[in-house]
Amino acid sequence: MIIRRIAEGIKAQDWVVVVIEVMVVVVGIFIGLQVDDWKQEQTFHQSETELLHELKLELESSIILTEGRENAYKQAAEAGSRSLNFIASGTSCESECWPILLDFMHASQWQGTQVRKSTYENMRTLGMPSNRAIINAVESYLLTTRSNVEYYSVLPYYRSLVRRLIPLDIQSYYWEHCYSAVNGLEFYKLDCPKFGADDFTSQLVENIVGNMEIEPHLTEWTSAISSLDAGLISTHSTLPASASTTASIRPRPAAGSPVYTW
């Protein structure tokens, strides 16, 4: 219809009609483009809001897992310190050898320190988050975790060394009665019932202590996980207070678009 009216206006040389009709077309196209841009922006912000909530859950899960690892490594470091003190004492454990053997096993525990970041990586490919403060906070967090992951990516030699000296049936008993894992969190029990005869356990402890490689490698590993405990704490403290502040969303008064604050 509009094209026909423009054609008729040109034919009749009615330039006022032509100009008006052209302006109607231009304004219509402009409004259509603006509406399309508005819809795309709304879709983008809706997607970003949903992903920010997913990121919040991802970070909360990461912090819970990190705190669990802190606790596990703290237990392992304490077991390593007790084991080193026993070695340094030069005494015999006599009939109380099971707790000593248990400490040697607890001290050999290792966990990876990686954290999930799939949601954040997906957001970055989509040009999100919009708020630079969120990006800076998450990048700082991931940078700290990355250094821990790289440093503790190799299993400690002490772990292999001491487990060679402990029979498989005792290790099987340990995994069943002295260790547990729930939702990725590991727990090491100090009060699990002893296994085997005292004289047999005493001989195992004597063999472990008598191995000249045990003390230096246990010292190295205990020192490493003691420092890791503090490192993990600083890792999740790089995020503001807690992940509960990750996606605080409120409308921008003027434009009506959401504002994401960390």
Protein backbone atom coordinates (compact mmCIF):
# COMPACT_ATOMS: atom_id res chain seq x y z
CA MET A 1 0.00 0.00 0.00
CA ILE A 2 2.68 2.52 0.98
CA ILE A 3 4.83 1.73 -2.05
CA ARG A 4 1.81 2.18 -4.33
CA ARG A 5 0.99 5.55 -2.75
CA ILE A 6 4.60 6.68 -3.16
CA ALA A 7 4.53 5.60 -6.80
CA GLU A 8 1.27 7.46 -7.36
CA GLY A 9 2.69 10.56 -5.62
CA ILE A 10 5.77 10.52 -7.81
CA LYS A 11 3.62 10.06 -10.92
CA ALA A 12 1.42 12.98 -9.89
CA GLN A 13 4.48 14.91 -8.71
CA ASP A 14 2.80 15.32 -5.34
CA TRP A 15 6.05 15.63 -3.43
CA VAL A 16 4.40 16.32 -0.09
CA VAL A 17 2.69 12.93 -0.22
CA VAL A 18 5.94 11.27 -1.32
CA VAL A 19 7.91 12.82 1.54
CA ILE A 20 5.23 11.91 4.08
CA GLU A 21 5.01 8.31 2.88
CA VAL A 22 8.82 7.93 2.85
CA MET A 23 8.98 9.34 6.37
CA VAL A 24 6.33 6.83 7.47
CA VAL A 25 8.45 4.02 6.03
CA VAL A 26 11.65 5.29 7.68
CA VAL A 27 10.01 5.82 11.06
CA GLY A 28 8.38 2.40 10.84
CA ILE A 29 11.71 0.72 10.11
CA PHE A 30 13.39 2.69 12.89
CA ILE A 31 10.73 1.72 15.44
CA GLY A 32 10.89 -1.89 14.30
CA LEU A 33 14.66 -1.97 14.78
CA GLN A 34 14.36 -0.35 18.21
CA VAL A 35 11.74 -2.88 19.30
CA ASP A 36 13.94 -5.70 18.04
CA ASP A 37 16.96 -4.31 19.91
CA TRP A 38 14.86 -3.94 23.06
CA LYS A 39 13.69 -7.54 22.82
CA GLN A 40 17.25 -8.77 22.32
CA GLU A 41 18.45 -6.72 25.29
CA GLN A 42 15.67 -8.09 27.48
CA THR A 43 16.50 -11.64 26.39
CA PHE A 44 20.18 -11.01 27.14
CA HIS A 45 19.46 -9.65 30.62
CA GLN A 46 17.06 -12.47 31.39
CA SER A 47 19.67 -15.03 30.37
CA GLU A 48 22.32 -13.20 32.38
CA THR A 49 20.11 -13.12 35.46
CA GLU A 50 19.53 -16.87 35.23
CA LEU A 51 23.22 -17.59 34.69
CA LEU A 52 24.22 -15.33 37.57
CA HIS A 53 22.06 -17.39 39.89
CA GLU A 54 23.71 -20.54 38.52
CA LEU A 55 27.11 -18.92 39.09
CA LYS A 56 26.10 -18.11 42.65
CA LEU A 57 25.23 -21.77 43.26
CA GLU A 58 28.48 -22.88 41.61
CA LEU A 59 30.54 -20.60 43.85
CA GLU A 60 28.65 -21.61 46.97
CA SER A 61 29.28 -25.27 46.15
CA SER A 62 32.94 -24.48 45.51
CA ILE A 63 33.29 -22.73 48.86
CA ILE A 64 31.65 -25.62 50.73
CA LEU A 65 33.99 -28.06 48.98
CA THR A 66 37.01 -25.86 49.68
CA GLU A 67 36.13 -25.59 53.36
CA GLY A 68 35.77 -29.38 53.47
CA ARG A 69 39.21 -29.76 51.93
CA GLU A 70 40.60 -27.32 54.47
CA ASN A 71 39.29 -29.51 57.25
CA ALA A 72 40.57 -32.71 55.63
CA TYR A 73 44.05 -31.31 55.03
CA LYS A 74 44.12 -29.93 58.55
CA GLN A 75 43.42 -33.44 59.86
CA ALA A 76 46.14 -34.88 57.61
CA ALA A 77 48.64 -32.22 58.72
CA GLU A 78 47.88 -32.87 62.39
CA ALA A 79 48.30 -36.61 61.83
CA GLY A 80 51.62 -35.92 60.09
CA SER A 81 52.82 -33.78 63.01
CA ARG A 82 51.90 -36.48 65.53
CA SER A 83 53.67 -39.08 63.41
CA LEU A 84 56.82 -36.96 63.20
CA ASN A 85 56.73 -36.38 66.97
CA PHE A 86 56.49 -40.12 67.52
CA ILE A 87 59.43 -40.78 65.21
CA ALA A 88 61.46 -38.09 66.98
CA SER A 89 60.67 -39.57 70.41
CA GLY A 90 62.47 -42.80 69.58
CA THR A 91 60.10 -44.73 71.84
CA SER A 92 58.10 -47.90 71.24
CA CYS A 93 54.33 -47.73 70.89
CA GLU A 94 54.01 -51.10 72.71
CA SER A 95 50.28 -51.91 72.97
CA GLU A 96 49.13 -48.50 71.67
CA CYS A 97 50.33 -48.86 68.11
CA TRP A 98 47.03 -48.68 66.26
CA PRO A 99 46.59 -44.88 66.69
CA ILE A 100 50.17 -44.42 65.47
CA LEU A 101 49.56 -46.56 62.40
CA LEU A 102 46.30 -44.71 61.82
CA ASP A 103 48.15 -41.39 61.87
CA PHE A 104 50.64 -42.62 59.28
CA MET A 105 47.69 -43.47 57.00
CA HIS A 106 45.77 -40.25 57.70
CA ALA A 107 48.88 -38.22 56.92
CA SER A 108 49.11 -39.85 53.48
CA GLN A 109 45.76 -38.48 52.33
CA TRP A 110 45.67 -36.30 49.24
CA GLN A 111 42.88 -34.44 47.42
CA GLY A 112 42.80 -32.37 44.28
CA THR A 113 42.15 -28.67 44.79
CA GLN A 114 40.35 -27.89 41.53
CA VAL A 115 36.99 -26.11 41.58
CA ARG A 116 34.09 -26.05 39.14
CA LYS A 117 33.99 -23.10 36.77
CA SER A 118 31.84 -24.29 33.85
CA THR A 119 29.08 -21.74 34.46
CA TYR A 120 31.52 -18.85 34.60
CA GLU A 121 33.35 -20.00 31.47
CA ASN A 122 30.02 -20.30 29.65
CA MET A 123 29.08 -16.77 30.74
CA ARG A 124 32.36 -15.35 29.46
CA THR A 125 31.79 -16.86 26.00
CA LEU A 126 28.43 -15.05 25.97
CA GLY A 127 29.96 -11.71 26.98
CA MET A 128 28.76 -11.94 30.59
CA PRO A 129 28.73 -10.86 33.38
CA SER A 130 28.00 -7.23 32.52
CA ASN A 131 29.35 -6.01 35.84
CA ARG A 132 33.14 -5.72 35.80
CA ALA A 133 33.33 -6.08 39.58
CA ILE A 134 31.91 -9.61 39.33
CA ILE A 135 34.43 -10.54 36.65
CA ASN A 136 37.34 -9.19 38.70
CA ALA A 137 36.25 -11.02 41.85
CA VAL A 138 35.75 -14.37 40.10
CA GLU A 139 38.99 -14.04 38.12
CA SER A 140 40.90 -13.32 41.32
CA TYR A 141 39.30 -16.35 42.94
CA LEU A 142 40.10 -18.64 40.01
CA LEU A 143 43.67 -17.35 39.80
CA THR A 144 44.27 -18.34 43.41
CA THR A 145 42.71 -21.77 42.95
CA ARG A 146 44.72 -22.31 39.76
CA SER A 147 48.00 -21.88 41.62
CA ASN A 148 46.89 -24.45 44.21
CA VAL A 149 45.77 -26.90 41.52
CA GLU A 150 49.09 -26.71 39.69
CA TYR A 151 51.17 -27.06 42.85
CA TYR A 152 49.22 -30.04 44.24
CA SER A 153 48.58 -31.84 40.97
CA VAL A 154 51.22 -34.50 41.75
CA LEU A 155 50.63 -37.16 44.38
CA PRO A 156 53.12 -36.93 47.27
CA TYR A 157 55.88 -39.53 47.36
CA TYR A 158 55.20 -40.14 51.07
CA ARG A 159 51.73 -41.45 50.16
CA SER A 160 53.18 -44.16 47.94
CA LEU A 161 56.05 -44.85 50.31
CA VAL A 162 54.05 -45.50 53.48
CA ARG A 163 51.28 -47.45 51.77
CA ARG A 164 53.80 -49.91 50.40
CA LEU A 165 54.62 -50.81 54.00
CA ILE A 166 51.02 -51.35 55.14
CA PRO A 167 49.36 -54.67 54.18
CA LEU A 168 46.34 -54.57 51.89
CA ASP A 169 43.94 -56.08 54.45
CA ILE A 170 44.72 -53.25 56.90
CA GLN A 171 44.28 -50.66 54.17
CA SER A 172 40.94 -52.23 53.19
CA TYR A 173 39.84 -52.09 56.83
CA TYR A 174 40.96 -48.46 56.99
CA TRP A 175 38.87 -47.44 53.97
CA GLU A 176 35.81 -49.16 55.39
CA HIS A 177 36.02 -48.09 59.04
CA CYS A 178 38.40 -45.13 59.38
CA TYR A 179 37.55 -43.06 56.30
CA SER A 180 34.37 -41.68 54.79
CA ALA A 181 33.44 -39.45 51.87
CA VAL A 182 30.14 -37.58 51.59
CA ASN A 183 29.32 -35.33 48.63
CA GLY A 184 32.98 -34.97 47.76
CA LEU A 185 34.03 -34.19 51.35
CA GLU A 186 36.48 -36.55 53.05
CA PHE A 187 36.55 -37.38 56.77
CA TYR A 188 39.28 -39.24 58.66
CA LYS A 189 38.28 -40.95 61.88
CA LEU A 190 40.59 -41.05 64.88
CA ASP A 191 38.45 -43.35 66.99
CA CYS A 192 37.87 -46.25 64.61
CA PRO A 193 38.32 -49.69 66.29
CA LYS A 194 41.79 -51.16 66.00
CA PHE A 195 42.53 -53.94 63.56
CA GLY A 196 44.79 -56.93 64.12
CA ALA A 197 46.93 -58.09 67.02
CA ASP A 198 49.04 -55.55 68.94
CA ASP A 199 52.33 -57.31 68.23
CA PHE A 200 51.59 -57.30 64.46
CA THR A 201 50.64 -53.61 64.48
CA SER A 202 53.74 -52.86 66.56
CA GLN A 203 55.93 -54.54 63.95
CA LEU A 204 54.31 -52.52 61.16
CA VAL A 205 54.94 -49.26 63.00
CA GLU A 206 58.53 -50.31 63.62
CA ASN A 207 58.98 -51.05 59.91
CA ILE A 208 57.58 -47.65 58.94
CA VAL A 209 59.71 -45.75 61.44
CA GLY A 210 62.75 -47.78 60.42
CA ASN A 211 62.43 -46.76 56.78
CA MET A 212 64.94 -43.95 56.33
CA GLU A 213 62.83 -42.26 53.61
CA ILE A 214 59.70 -41.92 55.73
CA GLU A 215 60.72 -39.04 58.00
CA PRO A 216 62.09 -36.61 55.36
CA HIS A 217 59.21 -37.19 52.94
CA LEU A 218 56.60 -37.01 55.70
CA THR A 219 58.18 -33.76 56.86
CA GLU A 220 58.01 -32.34 53.35
CA TRP A 221 54.38 -33.40 52.84
CA THR A 222 53.22 -32.21 56.27
CA SER A 223 54.82 -28.83 55.66
CA ALA A 224 53.15 -28.59 52.22
CA ILE A 225 49.63 -29.38 53.40
CA SER A 226 50.00 -27.12 56.44
CA SER A 227 50.65 -24.20 54.09
CA LEU A 228 47.90 -25.40 51.75
CA ASP A 229 45.40 -25.15 54.60
CA ALA A 230 46.09 -21.41 54.83
CA GLY A 231 46.15 -21.12 51.04
CA LEU A 232 42.71 -22.64 50.66
CA ILE A 233 41.32 -20.24 53.25
CA SER A 234 42.70 -17.27 51.33
CA THR A 235 41.33 -18.77 48.10
CA HIS A 236 37.67 -18.53 48.94
CA SER A 237 38.16 -15.37 50.98
CA THR A 238 39.05 -13.60 47.73
CA LEU A 239 35.33 -13.57 47.10
CA PRO A 240 33.41 -10.93 49.02
CA ALA A 241 32.24 -12.31 52.37
CA SER A 242 30.46 -15.27 50.78
CA ALA A 243 28.84 -16.33 47.54
CA SER A 244 25.52 -15.06 48.87
CA THR A 245 26.49 -11.64 47.47
CA THR A 246 27.27 -13.02 44.03
CA ALA A 247 24.13 -12.01 42.18
CA SER A 248 22.50 -9.15 43.94
CA ILE A 249 20.12 -7.90 41.26
CA ARG A 250 18.09 -4.73 41.33
CA PRO A 251 16.56 -2.56 38.57
CA ARG A 252 18.36 0.47 37.24
CA PRO A 253 15.95 3.34 37.92
CA ALA A 254 16.45 5.22 34.65
CA ALA A 255 16.82 2.61 31.92
CA GLY A 256 14.96 -0.24 33.57
CA SER A 257 17.75 -2.72 32.85
CA PRO A 258 19.01 -4.90 35.70
CA VAL A 259 22.16 -3.96 37.56
CA TYR A 260 24.32 -6.80 38.88
CA THR A 261 26.38 -6.03 41.95
CA TRP A 262 28.93 -8.18 43.68
